Every structure is written in structure tokens, then in C-alpha cells.
Amino acid sequence: MDKHAEAKFPWSHVIGYILSLVLTIIALVAGLNHMASLVALMTIILILAAIQILVQLFFFMHITEKHGPRYNVITLIVAFTFTFAIIGGSIWIMAFSQVSS
């Protein structure tokens, strides 16, 4: 490994950290100040959470680096599929279940 590469300042980590803080603060301020209706507020928070996931993947987990094993990307895709299936199924059940008396 090159000595110059080891001494390089981790700008991507600093940028990722700042972006994570900004996204978290925006979500916190929007939630605490009730800046929108409940549906709009939940939509804003979910969008900010999705952006936060992308920031974590690209800046901290280095998902775009090519020297890692390819099965990590496949595992990530399967994890997202399961996560969205569980969340989507839970929302489906809560939204369309009928309470019988």
C-alpha cells in the first residue's frame, strides 16, 4: 500500500458525517415543530431516512468500491427486498384488515 494513500485525509467520511447530521436535524426540526400535516410529515421523514441510508452506504460502507466481494451487494439487495416486503406487508395488513365484532 502506498504511504501517500494511508496519510490521505478522509474527506468522504467528514462529508458523510456532516450530511448525516444535517438530515437528522432537518427531520428533528420538522417533527418537533409540526411543520406539516401528519401524512406530509411522515412522508418527509421517510424521504430523509431513505437519503440517510444512501449517505451511509456510499460514504461509510463504500458500496461503490470495486475491490470488495460481489456477494456483499447481492446480500444488500436481498436484505432490502426482505425489509420492503416486511414493511409493505405490515402496512398492507394494518390498512386493509377489517375488525370483526
Protein backbone atom coordinates (compact mmCIF):
# COMPACT_ATOMS: atom_id res chain seq x y z
CA MET A 1 0.00 0.00 0.00
CA ASP A 2 1.21 3.48 -0.84
CA LYS A 3 2.26 5.69 2.09
CA HIS A 4 0.59 8.66 0.43
CA ALA A 5 -2.73 6.79 0.30
CA GLU A 6 -2.51 5.98 4.02
CA ALA A 7 -1.89 9.60 5.01
CA LYS A 8 -4.78 10.95 2.94
CA PHE A 9 -7.40 12.82 4.98
CA PRO A 10 -10.78 11.00 4.93
CA TRP A 11 -12.85 13.77 3.32
CA SER A 12 -15.60 11.35 2.33
CA HIS A 13 -16.14 10.44 5.98
CA VAL A 14 -16.31 14.10 7.01
CA ILE A 15 -18.77 14.93 4.23
CA GLY A 16 -20.88 11.86 5.08
CA TYR A 17 -20.90 12.79 8.76
CA ILE A 18 -21.99 16.36 8.03
CA LEU A 19 -24.71 15.17 5.65
CA SER A 20 -25.94 12.70 8.28
CA LEU A 21 -26.12 15.45 10.88
CA VAL A 22 -27.95 17.82 8.53
CA LEU A 23 -30.51 15.18 7.53
CA THR A 24 -31.10 14.22 11.16
CA ILE A 25 -31.52 17.85 12.25
CA ILE A 26 -33.97 18.56 9.41
CA ALA A 27 -36.09 15.55 10.42
CA LEU A 28 -35.93 16.52 14.10
CA VAL A 29 -36.92 20.14 13.49
CA ALA A 30 -39.75 19.15 11.15
CA GLY A 31 -41.08 16.64 13.68
CA LEU A 32 -40.79 18.82 16.77
CA ASN A 33 -42.27 21.94 15.17
CA HIS A 34 -45.17 20.15 13.44
CA MET A 35 -44.31 21.93 10.18
CA ALA A 36 -46.86 19.98 8.12
CA SER A 37 -49.80 17.63 8.40
CA LEU A 38 -49.17 14.17 9.79
CA VAL A 39 -49.13 12.50 6.37
CA ALA A 40 -46.79 15.12 4.89
CA LEU A 41 -44.55 14.98 7.95
CA MET A 42 -44.28 11.19 7.77
CA THR A 43 -43.52 11.43 4.04
CA ILE A 44 -40.78 13.99 4.67
CA ILE A 45 -39.23 11.87 7.42
CA LEU A 46 -39.35 8.71 5.27
CA ILE A 47 -37.67 10.53 2.36
CA LEU A 48 -34.98 11.88 4.69
CA ALA A 49 -34.48 8.36 6.09
CA ALA A 50 -34.03 6.95 2.58
CA ILE A 51 -31.47 9.65 1.80
CA GLN A 52 -29.76 8.85 5.10
CA ILE A 53 -29.49 5.19 4.07
CA LEU A 54 -27.85 6.21 0.80
CA VAL A 55 -25.42 8.51 2.60
CA GLN A 56 -24.45 5.68 4.95
CA LEU A 57 -23.97 3.23 2.09
CA PHE A 58 -21.91 5.46 -0.15
CA PHE A 59 -19.86 7.45 2.35
CA PHE A 60 -19.26 4.95 5.16
CA MET A 61 -19.84 1.45 3.80
CA HIS A 62 -18.09 2.21 0.47
CA ILE A 63 -20.66 0.33 -1.58
CA THR A 64 -19.15 1.62 -4.83
CA GLU A 65 -15.65 0.29 -4.24
CA LYS A 66 -14.78 -2.47 -6.66
CA HIS A 67 -12.17 -4.41 -4.69
CA GLY A 68 -14.69 -5.95 -2.29
CA PRO A 69 -16.52 -9.22 -2.89
CA ARG A 70 -19.61 -9.03 -5.10
CA TYR A 71 -21.71 -11.09 -2.73
CA ASN A 72 -21.91 -8.06 -0.40
CA VAL A 73 -24.01 -6.23 -3.00
CA ILE A 74 -26.20 -9.30 -3.54
CA THR A 75 -26.68 -9.63 0.22
CA LEU A 76 -27.62 -5.96 0.43
CA ILE A 77 -30.21 -6.36 -2.35
CA VAL A 78 -31.74 -9.39 -0.62
CA ALA A 79 -31.82 -7.51 2.70
CA PHE A 80 -33.63 -4.57 1.07
CA THR A 81 -36.11 -6.95 -0.58
CA PHE A 82 -36.92 -8.63 2.74
CA THR A 83 -37.13 -5.28 4.53
CA PHE A 84 -39.52 -3.78 2.00
CA ALA A 85 -41.60 -6.98 1.94
CA ILE A 86 -41.96 -6.99 5.72
CA ILE A 87 -42.73 -3.27 5.93
CA GLY A 88 -45.08 -3.39 2.93
CA GLY A 89 -46.85 -6.46 4.28
CA SER A 90 -47.27 -4.88 7.70
CA ILE A 91 -48.70 -1.70 6.21
CA TRP A 92 -50.98 -3.77 3.96
CA ILE A 93 -52.31 -5.76 6.92
CA MET A 94 -52.82 -2.65 9.07
CA ALA A 95 -54.51 -0.72 6.26
CA PHE A 96 -56.81 -3.42 4.91
CA SER A 97 -57.62 -5.61 7.89
CA GLN A 98 -61.22 -5.49 9.00
CA VAL A 99 -62.09 -5.68 12.63
CA SER A 100 -64.91 -8.13 13.09
CA SER A 101 -67.18 -7.84 16.09
